[in-house]
């Protein structure tokens, strides 16, 4: 009798654990059927998901279009959105602890969030409105699902902050960093020049354009005493790559087009392959947008409204990376008596 009772209790405990696990996993999943009354919409709108789960949004105003894009993206990618904005702003260690500290130090030094805050007032009025509508949609989802957050938030034990227009700009800058490819090259060039002299650079690191590489020897002489040959990767970049594989690698891409005269169908073909890192979930977020002035299908980034690559009812577009110098390094001298001050034009300033 005692054995039967113990077995029954054990079975109930296991069933309870399984049920709790299923609730934690499945409860946050997006609701794809039914009608909802969302405060904040201008008019009636519709979201249809195709057989792949891709949302196609139909709205009567631009505000509602981007409001619902924010809402459905939060449905599908809320933790990814929060992780990306934290990475760009240097706030990963708040939730991930010491392993993310080097990444936070690097991105706070880069100042992506500070620059984004200064750029926000410079955006066009309609762009600011679209960003604001997107943020409102994300926050509407947060308001209605605070008790059913994705499992990652439950495991890490925190609730995400409200989304803001600034967060979208920070994510956009993180993606720009993701696409850049010459930070490590700059470090490698400096390391080679420090160890072997600037004369080796033309041979070991020739200009990709084919033009003769040149070195400003006067500038090099000014900074060389403060450099030492070392690693061609920053600790922060290594730390971020452990969380977001391939971040900042900028491994290249390709993009090509064929005229209709060269295709079997007589229609032109555009192929774009940005070569971004493979992650789960994907960097890309597929979505369809149809409303006044918009009839788009393509890919965005989780956290950014609109379409980055895709097509409308007339044209298609994509993007590729070129060998461009998008990152420069500066040697800064700290005040030996106050590390918060740096030398500028012969004087130390904060």
C-alpha atoms as a PDB file:
ATOM      1  CA  UNK A   1       0.000   0.000   0.000  1.00  0.00           C
ATOM      2  CA  UNK A   2       2.775   2.380   0.953  1.00  0.00           C
ATOM      3  CA  UNK A   3       4.536   1.580  -2.342  1.00  0.00           C
ATOM      4  CA  UNK A   4       1.438   2.394  -4.371  1.00  0.00           C
ATOM      5  CA  UNK A   5       1.011   5.691  -2.496  1.00  0.00           C
ATOM      6  CA  UNK A   6       4.660   6.624  -3.027  1.00  0.00           C
ATOM      7  CA  UNK A   7       4.383   5.777  -6.722  1.00  0.00           C
ATOM      8  CA  UNK A   8       1.237   7.858  -7.086  1.00  0.00           C
ATOM      9  CA  UNK A   9       2.881  10.839  -5.403  1.00  0.00           C
ATOM     10  CA  UNK A  10       5.964  10.493  -7.604  1.00  0.00           C
ATOM     11  CA  UNK A  11       3.752  10.341 -10.701  1.00  0.00           C
ATOM     12  CA  UNK A  12       1.881  13.482  -9.622  1.00  0.00           C
ATOM     13  CA  UNK A  13       5.158  15.319  -8.987  1.00  0.00           C
ATOM     14  CA  UNK A  14       6.506  14.364 -12.424  1.00  0.00           C
ATOM     15  CA  UNK A  15       3.208  15.346 -14.064  1.00  0.00           C
ATOM     16  CA  UNK A  16       3.277  18.683 -12.235  1.00  0.00           C
ATOM     17  CA  UNK A  17       6.847  19.377 -13.380  1.00  0.00           C
ATOM     18  CA  UNK A  18       6.010  18.463 -16.984  1.00  0.00           C
ATOM     19  CA  UNK A  19       2.864  20.615 -16.932  1.00  0.00           C
ATOM     20  CA  UNK A  20       4.776  23.585 -15.497  1.00  0.00           C
ATOM     21  CA  UNK A  21       7.450  23.180 -18.160  1.00  0.00           C
ATOM     22  CA  UNK A  22       4.872  23.075 -20.936  1.00  0.00           C
ATOM     23  CA  UNK A  23       3.183  26.219 -19.588  1.00  0.00           C
ATOM     24  CA  UNK A  24       6.506  28.085 -19.408  1.00  0.00           C
ATOM     25  CA  UNK A  25       7.440  27.048 -22.953  1.00  0.00           C
ATOM     26  CA  UNK A  26       4.132  27.309 -24.784  1.00  0.00           C
ATOM     27  CA  UNK A  27       2.264  30.072 -22.973  1.00  0.00           C
ATOM     28  CA  UNK A  28       4.493  32.881 -24.385  1.00  0.00           C
ATOM     29  CA  UNK A  29       4.076  31.664 -27.993  1.00  0.00           C
ATOM     30  CA  UNK A  30       2.352  34.082 -30.343  1.00  0.00           C
ATOM     31  CA  UNK A  31      -1.413  33.871 -30.660  1.00  0.00           C
ATOM     32  CA  UNK A  32      -2.110  33.615 -34.372  1.00  0.00           C
ATOM     33  CA  UNK A  33      -5.910  33.266 -34.447  1.00  0.00           C
ATOM     34  CA  UNK A  34      -8.717  35.461 -33.162  1.00  0.00           C
ATOM     35  CA  UNK A  35      -9.659  39.116 -32.851  1.00  0.00           C
ATOM     36  CA  UNK A  36      -8.072  41.522 -30.380  1.00  0.00           C
ATOM     37  CA  UNK A  37      -8.976  45.021 -29.319  1.00  0.00           C
ATOM     38  CA  UNK A  38      -5.685  46.936 -29.141  1.00  0.00           C
ATOM     39  CA  UNK A  39      -5.851  50.441 -27.746  1.00  0.00           C
ATOM     40  CA  UNK A  40      -3.615  52.725 -29.756  1.00  0.00           C
ATOM     41  CA  UNK A  41      -4.721  51.757 -33.268  1.00  0.00           C
ATOM     42  CA  UNK A  42      -6.276  54.401 -35.509  1.00  0.00           C
ATOM     43  CA  UNK A  43      -8.562  51.962 -37.330  1.00  0.00           C
ATOM     44  CA  UNK A  44      -9.272  48.306 -37.885  1.00  0.00           C
ATOM     45  CA  UNK A  45      -6.245  46.349 -39.112  1.00  0.00           C
ATOM     46  CA  UNK A  46      -5.370  42.745 -39.865  1.00  0.00           C
ATOM     47  CA  UNK A  47      -2.376  40.432 -39.368  1.00  0.00           C
ATOM     48  CA  UNK A  48      -2.330  37.236 -41.420  1.00  0.00           C
ATOM     49  CA  UNK A  49       0.363  34.616 -40.891  1.00  0.00           C
ATOM     50  CA  UNK A  50       1.258  32.379 -43.812  1.00  0.00           C
ATOM     51  CA  UNK A  51       2.101  28.680 -43.597  1.00  0.00           C
ATOM     52  CA  UNK A  52       5.630  29.567 -42.462  1.00  0.00           C
ATOM     53  CA  UNK A  53       4.381  31.774 -39.636  1.00  0.00           C
ATOM     54  CA  UNK A  54       5.469  34.984 -41.407  1.00  0.00           C
ATOM     55  CA  UNK A  55       3.187  37.906 -40.436  1.00  0.00           C
ATOM     56  CA  UNK A  56       1.620  40.000 -43.200  1.00  0.00           C
ATOM     57  CA  UNK A  57       0.191  43.240 -41.846  1.00  0.00           C
ATOM     58  CA  UNK A  58      -2.646  45.164 -43.506  1.00  0.00           C
ATOM     59  CA  UNK A  59      -3.446  48.583 -42.043  1.00  0.00           C
ATOM     60  CA  UNK A  60      -5.273  51.775 -43.030  1.00  0.00           C
ATOM     61  CA  UNK A  61      -2.643  54.195 -41.669  1.00  0.00           C
ATOM     62  CA  UNK A  62       1.144  54.257 -41.548  1.00  0.00           C
ATOM     63  CA  UNK A  63       0.943  54.562 -37.762  1.00  0.00           C
ATOM     64  CA  UNK A  64      -1.024  51.318 -37.466  1.00  0.00           C
ATOM     65  CA  UNK A  65       1.272  49.537 -39.912  1.00  0.00           C
ATOM     66  CA  UNK A  66       4.401  50.143 -37.825  1.00  0.00           C
ATOM     67  CA  UNK A  67       2.509  49.812 -34.532  1.00  0.00           C
ATOM     68  CA  UNK A  68       1.525  46.281 -35.513  1.00  0.00           C
ATOM     69  CA  UNK A  69       5.011  45.519 -36.836  1.00  0.00           C
ATOM     70  CA  UNK A  70       6.340  46.332 -33.369  1.00  0.00           C
ATOM     71  CA  UNK A  71       3.620  44.196 -31.780  1.00  0.00           C
ATOM     72  CA  UNK A  72       4.180  41.060 -33.890  1.00  0.00           C
ATOM     73  CA  UNK A  73       7.970  41.359 -33.712  1.00  0.00           C
ATOM     74  CA  UNK A  74       7.707  41.421 -29.926  1.00  0.00           C
ATOM     75  CA  UNK A  75       5.438  38.378 -30.146  1.00  0.00           C
ATOM     76  CA  UNK A  76       8.133  36.449 -31.984  1.00  0.00           C
ATOM     77  CA  UNK A  77      11.483  37.972 -30.938  1.00  0.00           C
ATOM     78  CA  UNK A  78      11.149  39.843 -27.630  1.00  0.00           C
ATOM     79  CA  UNK A  79      14.185  38.313 -25.923  1.00  0.00           C
ATOM     80  CA  UNK A  80      16.338  38.809 -29.016  1.00  0.00           C
ATOM     81  CA  UNK A  81      15.268  42.458 -29.182  1.00  0.00           C
ATOM     82  CA  UNK A  82      16.161  42.998 -25.540  1.00  0.00           C
ATOM     83  CA  UNK A  83      19.500  41.208 -25.933  1.00  0.00           C
ATOM     84  CA  UNK A  84      20.454  43.347 -28.944  1.00  0.00           C
ATOM     85  CA  UNK A  85      19.586  46.674 -27.348  1.00  0.00           C
ATOM     86  CA  UNK A  86      21.508  45.673 -24.226  1.00  0.00           C
ATOM     87  CA  UNK A  87      24.515  44.641 -26.330  1.00  0.00           C
ATOM     88  CA  UNK A  88      24.536  47.961 -28.203  1.00  0.00           C
ATOM     89  CA  UNK A  89      24.113  50.044 -25.052  1.00  0.00           C
ATOM     90  CA  UNK A  90      26.619  48.073 -22.959  1.00  0.00           C
ATOM     91  CA  UNK A  91      24.062  46.645 -20.524  1.00  0.00           C
ATOM     92  CA  UNK A  92      24.415  42.892 -20.991  1.00  0.00           C
ATOM     93  CA  UNK A  93      26.179  42.261 -17.676  1.00  0.00           C
ATOM     94  CA  UNK A  94      23.095  43.505 -15.798  1.00  0.00           C
ATOM     95  CA  UNK A  95      21.354  40.251 -16.727  1.00  0.00           C
ATOM     96  CA  UNK A  96      24.150  37.922 -17.896  1.00  0.00           C
ATOM     97  CA  UNK A  97      26.769  38.730 -15.268  1.00  0.00           C
ATOM     98  CA  UNK A  98      30.549  38.877 -15.487  1.00  0.00           C
ATOM     99  CA  UNK A  99      30.972  36.992 -18.819  1.00  0.00           C
ATOM    100  CA  UNK A 100      29.400  40.003 -20.587  1.00  0.00           C
ATOM    101  CA  UNK A 101      31.441  42.659 -18.768  1.00  0.00           C
ATOM    102  CA  UNK A 102      34.166  43.048 -21.426  1.00  0.00           C
ATOM    103  CA  UNK A 103      31.526  43.486 -24.101  1.00  0.00           C
ATOM    104  CA  UNK A 104      29.773  46.173 -22.034  1.00  0.00           C
ATOM    105  CA  UNK A 105      33.022  48.049 -21.438  1.00  0.00           C
ATOM    106  CA  UNK A 106      33.774  48.072 -25.151  1.00  0.00           C
ATOM    107  CA  UNK A 107      30.340  49.252 -26.261  1.00  0.00           C
ATOM    108  CA  UNK A 108      30.141  51.925 -23.597  1.00  0.00           C
ATOM    109  CA  UNK A 109      33.500  53.132 -24.895  1.00  0.00           C
ATOM    110  CA  UNK A 110      32.163  53.083 -28.456  1.00  0.00           C
ATOM    111  CA  UNK A 111      29.182  55.088 -27.186  1.00  0.00           C
ATOM    112  CA  UNK A 112      26.572  53.778 -29.630  1.00  0.00           C
ATOM    113  CA  UNK A 113      23.749  54.773 -27.282  1.00  0.00           C
ATOM    114  CA  UNK A 114      25.214  58.249 -26.727  1.00  0.00           C
ATOM    115  CA  UNK A 115      25.534  58.869 -30.461  1.00  0.00           C
ATOM    116  CA  UNK A 116      22.043  57.485 -31.120  1.00  0.00           C
ATOM    117  CA  UNK A 117      20.587  59.900 -28.545  1.00  0.00           C
ATOM    118  CA  UNK A 118      22.230  62.834 -30.337  1.00  0.00           C
ATOM    119  CA  UNK A 119      21.040  61.673 -33.748  1.00  0.00           C
ATOM    120  CA  UNK A 120      17.407  61.066 -32.779  1.00  0.00           C
ATOM    121  CA  UNK A 121      16.358  64.767 -33.056  1.00  0.00           C
ATOM    122  CA  UNK A 122      17.975  64.922 -36.520  1.00  0.00           C
ATOM    123  CA  UNK A 123      15.653  62.311 -38.035  1.00  0.00           C
ATOM    124  CA  UNK A 124      12.869  63.313 -40.377  1.00  0.00           C
ATOM    125  CA  UNK A 125       9.502  63.854 -38.738  1.00  0.00           C
ATOM    126  CA  UNK A 126       7.862  60.876 -40.471  1.00  0.00           C
ATOM    127  CA  UNK A 127      10.768  58.621 -39.490  1.00  0.00           C
ATOM    128  CA  UNK A 128      10.404  59.638 -35.845  1.00  0.00           C
ATOM    129  CA  UNK A 129       6.655  58.965 -36.014  1.00  0.00           C
ATOM    130  CA  UNK A 130       7.236  55.491 -37.475  1.00  0.00           C
ATOM    131  CA  UNK A 131       9.823  54.681 -34.812  1.00  0.00           C
ATOM    132  CA  UNK A 132       7.441  55.908 -32.115  1.00  0.00           C
ATOM    133  CA  UNK A 133       4.539  53.833 -33.489  1.00  0.00           C
ATOM    134  CA  UNK A 134       6.779  50.742 -33.578  1.00  0.00           C
ATOM    135  CA  UNK A 135       7.839  51.319 -29.945  1.00  0.00           C
ATOM    136  CA  UNK A 136       4.197  51.759 -28.908  1.00  0.00           C
ATOM    137  CA  UNK A 137       3.354  48.421 -30.511  1.00  0.00           C
ATOM    138  CA  UNK A 138       6.162  46.643 -28.664  1.00  0.00           C
ATOM    139  CA  UNK A 139       5.040  48.203 -25.400  1.00  0.00           C
ATOM    140  CA  UNK A 140       1.418  47.259 -26.013  1.00  0.00           C
ATOM    141  CA  UNK A 141       2.552  43.643 -26.271  1.00  0.00           C
ATOM    142  CA  UNK A 142       4.550  44.007 -23.035  1.00  0.00           C
ATOM    143  CA  UNK A 143       1.517  45.454 -21.235  1.00  0.00           C
ATOM    144  CA  UNK A 144      -0.646  42.494 -22.174  1.00  0.00           C
ATOM    145  CA  UNK A 145       1.927  39.731 -21.652  1.00  0.00           C
ATOM    146  CA  UNK A 146       3.823  40.690 -18.526  1.00  0.00           C
ATOM    147  CA  UNK A 147       2.816  37.399 -16.907  1.00  0.00           C
ATOM    148  CA  UNK A 148       3.686  35.225 -19.911  1.00  0.00           C
ATOM    149  CA  UNK A 149       7.130  36.374 -20.976  1.00  0.00           C
ATOM    150  CA  UNK A 150       9.393  34.134 -23.085  1.00  0.00           C
ATOM    151  CA  UNK A 151      11.225  31.408 -21.192  1.00  0.00           C
ATOM    152  CA  UNK A 152      14.588  33.220 -21.364  1.00  0.00           C
ATOM    153  CA  UNK A 153      13.279  35.998 -19.110  1.00  0.00           C
ATOM    154  CA  UNK A 154      11.967  33.425 -16.628  1.00  0.00           C
ATOM    155  CA  UNK A 155      15.332  31.632 -16.504  1.00  0.00           C
ATOM    156  CA  UNK A 156      17.309  34.865 -16.076  1.00  0.00           C
ATOM    157  CA  UNK A 157      14.791  36.268 -13.599  1.00  0.00           C
ATOM    158  CA  UNK A 158      14.071  39.722 -14.992  1.00  0.00           C
ATOM    159  CA  UNK A 159      11.437  41.684 -16.896  1.00  0.00           C
ATOM    160  CA  UNK A 160      12.361  43.740 -19.969  1.00  0.00           C
ATOM    161  CA  UNK A 161      12.141  47.527 -19.846  1.00  0.00           C
ATOM    162  CA  UNK A 162       9.704  49.349 -22.105  1.00  0.00           C
ATOM    163  CA  UNK A 163      10.874  49.835 -25.672  1.00  0.00           C
ATOM    164  CA  UNK A 164      11.817  53.298 -26.923  1.00  0.00           C
ATOM    165  CA  UNK A 165      12.645  54.926 -30.248  1.00  0.00           C
ATOM    166  CA  UNK A 166      16.222  55.209 -29.004  1.00  0.00           C
ATOM    167  CA  UNK A 167      16.382  51.427 -28.580  1.00  0.00           C
ATOM    168  CA  UNK A 168      15.661  50.953 -32.294  1.00  0.00           C
ATOM    169  CA  UNK A 169      18.505  53.303 -33.216  1.00  0.00           C
ATOM    170  CA  UNK A 170      20.882  51.450 -30.880  1.00  0.00           C
ATOM    171  CA  UNK A 171      19.940  48.133 -32.518  1.00  0.00           C
ATOM    172  CA  UNK A 172      20.518  49.704 -35.942  1.00  0.00           C
ATOM    173  CA  UNK A 173      23.994  50.818 -34.868  1.00  0.00           C
ATOM    174  CA  UNK A 174      24.742  47.371 -33.482  1.00  0.00           C
ATOM    175  CA  UNK A 175      23.858  45.956 -36.898  1.00  0.00           C
ATOM    176  CA  UNK A 176      26.169  48.502 -38.542  1.00  0.00           C
ATOM    177  CA  UNK A 177      28.941  47.290 -36.238  1.00  0.00           C
ATOM    178  CA  UNK A 178      28.014  43.731 -37.191  1.00  0.00           C
ATOM    179  CA  UNK A 179      28.577  44.587 -40.854  1.00  0.00           C
ATOM    180  CA  UNK A 180      31.843  46.461 -40.354  1.00  0.00           C
ATOM    181  CA  UNK A 181      35.010  44.510 -41.007  1.00  0.00           C
ATOM    182  CA  UNK A 182      38.084  46.603 -40.404  1.00  0.00           C
ATOM    183  CA  UNK A 183      38.447  47.002 -36.634  1.00  0.00           C
ATOM    184  CA  UNK A 184      40.546  43.845 -36.388  1.00  0.00           C
ATOM    185  CA  UNK A 185      42.382  44.908 -39.545  1.00  0.00           C
ATOM    186  CA  UNK A 186      43.304  48.225 -37.920  1.00  0.00           C
ATOM    187  CA  UNK A 187      44.628  46.405 -34.855  1.00  0.00           C
ATOM    188  CA  UNK A 188      46.557  43.956 -37.017  1.00  0.00           C
ATOM    189  CA  UNK A 189      48.124  46.753 -39.078  1.00  0.00           C
ATOM    190  CA  UNK A 190      49.192  48.564 -35.917  1.00  0.00           C
ATOM    191  CA  UNK A 191      50.618  45.342 -34.482  1.00  0.00           C
ATOM    192  CA  UNK A 192      52.609  44.547 -37.626  1.00  0.00           C
ATOM    193  CA  UNK A 193      53.947  48.104 -37.879  1.00  0.00           C
ATOM    194  CA  UNK A 194      54.959  48.090 -34.199  1.00  0.00           C
ATOM    195  CA  UNK A 195      56.822  44.804 -34.541  1.00  0.00           C
ATOM    196  CA  UNK A 196      58.326  44.985 -38.041  1.00  0.00           C
ATOM    197  CA  UNK A 197      58.019  48.618 -39.133  1.00  0.00           C
ATOM    198  CA  UNK A 198      55.622  50.281 -41.546  1.00  0.00           C
ATOM    199  CA  UNK A 199      57.559  49.026 -44.592  1.00  0.00           C
ATOM    200  CA  UNK A 200      55.973  45.563 -44.356  1.00  0.00           C
ATOM    201  CA  UNK A 201      52.380  46.793 -44.662  1.00  0.00           C
ATOM    202  CA  UNK A 202      52.386  47.177 -48.449  1.00  0.00           C
ATOM    203  CA  UNK A 203      53.358  43.506 -48.786  1.00  0.00           C
ATOM    204  CA  UNK A 204      51.463  41.888 -45.911  1.00  0.00           C
ATOM    205  CA  UNK A 205      48.325  44.047 -46.037  1.00  0.00           C
ATOM    206  CA  UNK A 206      48.000  45.508 -49.559  1.00  0.00           C
ATOM    207  CA  UNK A 207      45.135  47.874 -50.369  1.00  0.00           C
ATOM    208  CA  UNK A 208      42.193  45.760 -51.717  1.00  0.00           C
ATOM    209  CA  UNK A 209      41.553  48.385 -54.396  1.00  0.00           C
ATOM    210  CA  UNK A 210      44.933  47.665 -55.975  1.00  0.00           C
ATOM    211  CA  UNK A 211      46.206  51.174 -55.302  1.00  0.00           C
ATOM    212  CA  UNK A 212      49.550  51.542 -53.604  1.00  0.00           C
ATOM    213  CA  UNK A 213      49.148  51.591 -49.822  1.00  0.00           C
ATOM    214  CA  UNK A 214      50.546  54.640 -48.061  1.00  0.00           C
ATOM    215  CA  UNK A 215      51.433  55.410 -44.454  1.00  0.00           C
ATOM    216  CA  UNK A 216      51.535  58.831 -42.837  1.00  0.00           C
ATOM    217  CA  UNK A 217      54.955  58.383 -41.264  1.00  0.00           C
ATOM    218  CA  UNK A 218      54.722  61.601 -39.267  1.00  0.00           C
ATOM    219  CA  UNK A 219      51.436  60.538 -37.668  1.00  0.00           C
ATOM    220  CA  UNK A 220      52.775  57.034 -37.076  1.00  0.00           C
ATOM    221  CA  UNK A 221      55.846  58.417 -35.318  1.00  0.00           C
ATOM    222  CA  UNK A 222      53.544  60.371 -32.979  1.00  0.00           C
ATOM    223  CA  UNK A 223      51.480  57.368 -31.877  1.00  0.00           C
ATOM    224  CA  UNK A 224      53.978  54.496 -32.168  1.00  0.00           C
ATOM    225  CA  UNK A 225      55.593  55.092 -28.746  1.00  0.00           C
ATOM    226  CA  UNK A 226      52.214  54.448 -27.080  1.00  0.00           C
ATOM    227  CA  UNK A 227      51.500  51.169 -28.899  1.00  0.00           C
ATOM    228  CA  UNK A 228      52.707  47.655 -28.410  1.00  0.00           C
ATOM    229  CA  UNK A 229      52.404  44.570 -30.574  1.00  0.00           C
ATOM    230  CA  UNK A 230      49.519  42.532 -29.249  1.00  0.00           C
ATOM    231  CA  UNK A 231      46.302  40.754 -30.063  1.00  0.00           C
ATOM    232  CA  UNK A 232      44.399  41.707 -33.208  1.00  0.00           C
ATOM    233  CA  UNK A 233      41.084  41.312 -31.321  1.00  0.00           C
ATOM    234  CA  UNK A 234      39.647  43.363 -28.482  1.00  0.00           C
ATOM    235  CA  UNK A 235      38.440  41.494 -25.363  1.00  0.00           C
ATOM    236  CA  UNK A 236      35.014  43.067 -25.802  1.00  0.00           C
ATOM    237  CA  UNK A 237      34.694  41.743 -29.344  1.00  0.00           C
ATOM    238  CA  UNK A 238      35.578  38.248 -28.163  1.00  0.00           C
ATOM    239  CA  UNK A 239      33.038  38.480 -25.330  1.00  0.00           C
ATOM    240  CA  UNK A 240      30.268  39.681 -27.643  1.00  0.00           C
ATOM    241  CA  UNK A 241      30.993  36.934 -30.185  1.00  0.00           C
ATOM    242  CA  UNK A 242      30.434  34.334 -27.477  1.00  0.00           C
ATOM    243  CA  UNK A 243      26.899  35.715 -27.080  1.00  0.00           C
ATOM    244  CA  UNK A 244      26.195  36.804 -30.661  1.00  0.00           C
ATOM    245  CA  UNK A 245      28.327  34.558 -32.908  1.00  0.00           C
ATOM    246  CA  UNK A 246      30.038  36.356 -35.767  1.00  0.00           C
ATOM    247  CA  UNK A 247      29.366  39.856 -34.404  1.00  0.00           C
ATOM    248  CA  UNK A 248      31.634  42.378 -36.109  1.00  0.00           C
ATOM    249  CA  UNK A 249      33.205  39.843 -38.469  1.00  0.00           C
ATOM    250  CA  UNK A 250      32.029  41.613 -41.618  1.00  0.00           C
ATOM    251  CA  UNK A 251      32.886  38.518 -43.673  1.00  0.00           C
ATOM    252  CA  UNK A 252      31.755  39.981 -46.999  1.00  0.00           C
ATOM    253  CA  UNK A 253      28.764  39.420 -49.255  1.00  0.00           C
ATOM    254  CA  UNK A 254      27.607  39.404 -52.852  1.00  0.00           C
ATOM    255  CA  UNK A 255      24.795  40.939 -54.837  1.00  0.00           C
ATOM    256  CA  UNK A 256      24.055  40.625 -58.534  1.00  0.00           C
ATOM    257  CA  UNK A 257      21.295  41.268 -61.050  1.00  0.00           C
ATOM    258  CA  UNK A 258      20.320  39.847 -64.452  1.00  0.00           C
ATOM    259  CA  UNK A 259      18.365  41.739 -67.088  1.00  0.00           C
ATOM    260  CA  UNK A 260      15.204  40.147 -68.401  1.00  0.00           C
ATOM    261  CA  UNK A 261      16.934  39.613 -71.752  1.00  0.00           C
ATOM    262  CA  UNK A 262      19.182  37.047 -70.049  1.00  0.00           C
ATOM    263  CA  UNK A 263      16.578  35.013 -68.111  1.00  0.00           C
ATOM    264  CA  UNK A 264      14.259  32.184 -69.157  1.00  0.00           C
ATOM    265  CA  UNK A 265      11.162  34.054 -67.993  1.00  0.00           C
ATOM    266  CA  UNK A 266      12.068  37.373 -69.561  1.00  0.00           C
ATOM    267  CA  UNK A 267      11.897  39.006 -66.157  1.00  0.00           C
ATOM    268  CA  UNK A 268      14.911  40.414 -64.312  1.00  0.00           C
ATOM    269  CA  UNK A 269      16.429  38.535 -61.376  1.00  0.00           C
ATOM    270  CA  UNK A 270      18.017  40.127 -58.306  1.00  0.00           C
ATOM    271  CA  UNK A 271      20.054  37.986 -55.908  1.00  0.00           C
ATOM    272  CA  UNK A 272      21.374  39.453 -52.663  1.00  0.00           C
ATOM    273  CA  UNK A 273      23.397  37.636 -50.020  1.00  0.00           C
ATOM    274  CA  UNK A 274      24.599  39.930 -47.202  1.00  0.00           C
ATOM    275  CA  UNK A 275      26.548  37.092 -45.507  1.00  0.00           C
ATOM    276  CA  UNK A 276      25.471  37.968 -41.984  1.00  0.00           C
ATOM    277  CA  UNK A 277      26.264  35.496 -39.226  1.00  0.00           C
ATOM    278  CA  UNK A 278      24.106  32.402 -38.745  1.00  0.00           C
ATOM    279  CA  UNK A 279      22.271  32.664 -35.408  1.00  0.00           C
ATOM    280  CA  UNK A 280      19.216  31.186 -33.779  1.00  0.00           C
ATOM    281  CA  UNK A 281      16.952  33.078 -33.913  1.00  0.00           C
ATOM    282  CA  UNK A 282      18.061  34.580 -37.210  1.00  0.00           C
ATOM    283  CA  UNK A 283      19.321  38.149 -37.462  1.00  0.00           C
ATOM    284  CA  UNK A 284      16.639  38.683 -40.096  1.00  0.00           C
ATOM    285  CA  UNK A 285      12.915  38.987 -39.385  1.00  0.00           C
ATOM    286  CA  UNK A 286      10.601  38.372 -42.359  1.00  0.00           C
ATOM    287  CA  UNK A 287       7.422  40.448 -42.564  1.00  0.00           C
ATOM    288  CA  UNK A 288       4.903  41.862 -45.029  1.00  0.00           C
ATOM    289  CA  UNK A 289       3.638  45.456 -44.759  1.00  0.00           C
ATOM    290  CA  UNK A 290       0.698  46.875 -46.702  1.00  0.00           C
ATOM    291  CA  UNK A 291      -0.888  50.258 -46.014  1.00  0.00           C
ATOM    292  CA  UNK A 292      -1.088  53.801 -47.430  1.00  0.00           C
ATOM    293  CA  UNK A 293       2.104  54.294 -49.448  1.00  0.00           C
ATOM    294  CA  UNK A 294       3.477  50.849 -48.533  1.00  0.00           C
ATOM    295  CA  UNK A 295       3.213  47.454 -50.212  1.00  0.00           C
ATOM    296  CA  UNK A 296       6.293  45.591 -49.044  1.00  0.00           C
ATOM    297  CA  UNK A 297       7.506  42.078 -48.318  1.00  0.00           C
ATOM    298  CA  UNK A 298      10.996  41.331 -47.123  1.00  0.00           C
ATOM    299  CA  UNK A 299      13.318  41.240 -44.167  1.00  0.00           C
ATOM    300  CA  UNK A 300      13.850  43.596 -41.276  1.00  0.00           C
ATOM    301  CA  UNK A 301      15.903  43.303 -38.096  1.00  0.00           C
ATOM    302  CA  UNK A 302      14.281  42.471 -34.776  1.00  0.00           C
ATOM    303  CA  UNK A 303      13.889  45.897 -33.177  1.00  0.00           C
ATOM    304  CA  UNK A 304      13.826  48.050 -36.319  1.00  0.00           C
ATOM    305  CA  UNK A 305      10.668  49.069 -38.243  1.00  0.00           C
ATOM    306  CA  UNK A 306      10.312  48.845 -42.013  1.00  0.00           C
ATOM    307  CA  UNK A 307      12.019  46.578 -44.539  1.00  0.00           C
ATOM    308  CA  UNK A 308      15.799  46.411 -45.009  1.00  0.00           C
ATOM    309  CA  UNK A 309      15.918  44.116 -48.046  1.00  0.00           C
ATOM    310  CA  UNK A 310      12.888  42.974 -50.005  1.00  0.00           C
ATOM    311  CA  UNK A 311      10.492  44.201 -52.686  1.00  0.00           C
ATOM    312  CA  UNK A 312       7.389  46.263 -53.284  1.00  0.00           C
ATOM    313  CA  UNK A 313       4.921  45.788 -56.154  1.00  0.00           C
ATOM    314  CA  UNK A 314       7.365  47.352 -58.647  1.00  0.00           C
ATOM    315  CA  UNK A 315      11.009  46.833 -57.672  1.00  0.00           C
ATOM    316  CA  UNK A 316      13.244  44.684 -55.468  1.00  0.00           C
ATOM    317  CA  UNK A 317      16.367  45.778 -53.613  1.00  0.00           C
ATOM    318  CA  UNK A 318      19.209  44.271 -51.651  1.00  0.00           C
ATOM    319  CA  UNK A 319      22.592  45.351 -50.330  1.00  0.00           C
ATOM    320  CA  UNK A 320      26.168  44.163 -50.247  1.00  0.00           C
ATOM    321  CA  UNK A 321      29.346  45.156 -48.450  1.00  0.00           C
ATOM    322  CA  UNK A 322      32.349  46.810 -50.044  1.00  0.00           C
ATOM    323  CA  UNK A 323      35.916  47.204 -48.831  1.00  0.00           C
ATOM    324  CA  UNK A 324      35.286  50.467 -47.008  1.00  0.00           C
ATOM    325  CA  UNK A 325      37.157  51.946 -44.066  1.00  0.00           C
ATOM    326  CA  UNK A 326      34.349  52.460 -41.567  1.00  0.00           C
ATOM    327  CA  UNK A 327      36.284  52.197 -38.302  1.00  0.00           C
ATOM    328  CA  UNK A 328      39.269  54.190 -37.050  1.00  0.00           C
ATOM    329  CA  UNK A 329      41.242  53.882 -33.824  1.00  0.00           C
ATOM    330  CA  UNK A 330      42.544  56.777 -31.749  1.00  0.00           C
ATOM    331  CA  UNK A 331      45.341  56.741 -29.184  1.00  0.00           C
ATOM    332  CA  UNK A 332      44.201  58.534 -26.023  1.00  0.00           C
ATOM    333  CA  UNK A 333      46.487  59.649 -23.211  1.00  0.00           C
ATOM    334  CA  UNK A 334      44.975  59.719 -19.737  1.00  0.00           C
ATOM    335  CA  UNK A 335      45.908  62.279 -17.122  1.00  0.00           C
ATOM    336  CA  UNK A 336      48.211  60.334 -14.746  1.00  0.00           C
ATOM    337  CA  UNK A 337      46.624  62.156 -11.802  1.00  0.00           C
ATOM    338  CA  UNK A 338      42.990  61.749 -12.912  1.00  0.00           C
ATOM    339  CA  UNK A 339      42.003  58.850 -15.223  1.00  0.00           C
ATOM    340  CA  UNK A 340      38.759  60.628 -16.116  1.00  0.00           C
ATOM    341  CA  UNK A 341      40.714  63.290 -18.041  1.00  0.00           C
ATOM    342  CA  UNK A 342      42.280  62.891 -21.497  1.00  0.00           C
ATOM    343  CA  UNK A 343      44.803  64.952 -23.423  1.00  0.00           C
ATOM    344  CA  UNK A 344      43.372  67.209 -26.130  1.00  0.00           C
ATOM    345  CA  UNK A 345      45.577  69.692 -27.971  1.00  0.00           C
ATOM    346  CA  UNK A 346      48.254  69.574 -25.332  1.00  0.00           C
ATOM    347  CA  UNK A 347      45.906  69.906 -22.314  1.00  0.00           C
ATOM    348  CA  UNK A 348      43.979  67.386 -20.224  1.00  0.00           C
ATOM    349  CA  UNK A 349      40.184  67.695 -20.302  1.00  0.00           C
ATOM    350  CA  UNK A 350      37.216  65.673 -19.059  1.00  0.00           C
END
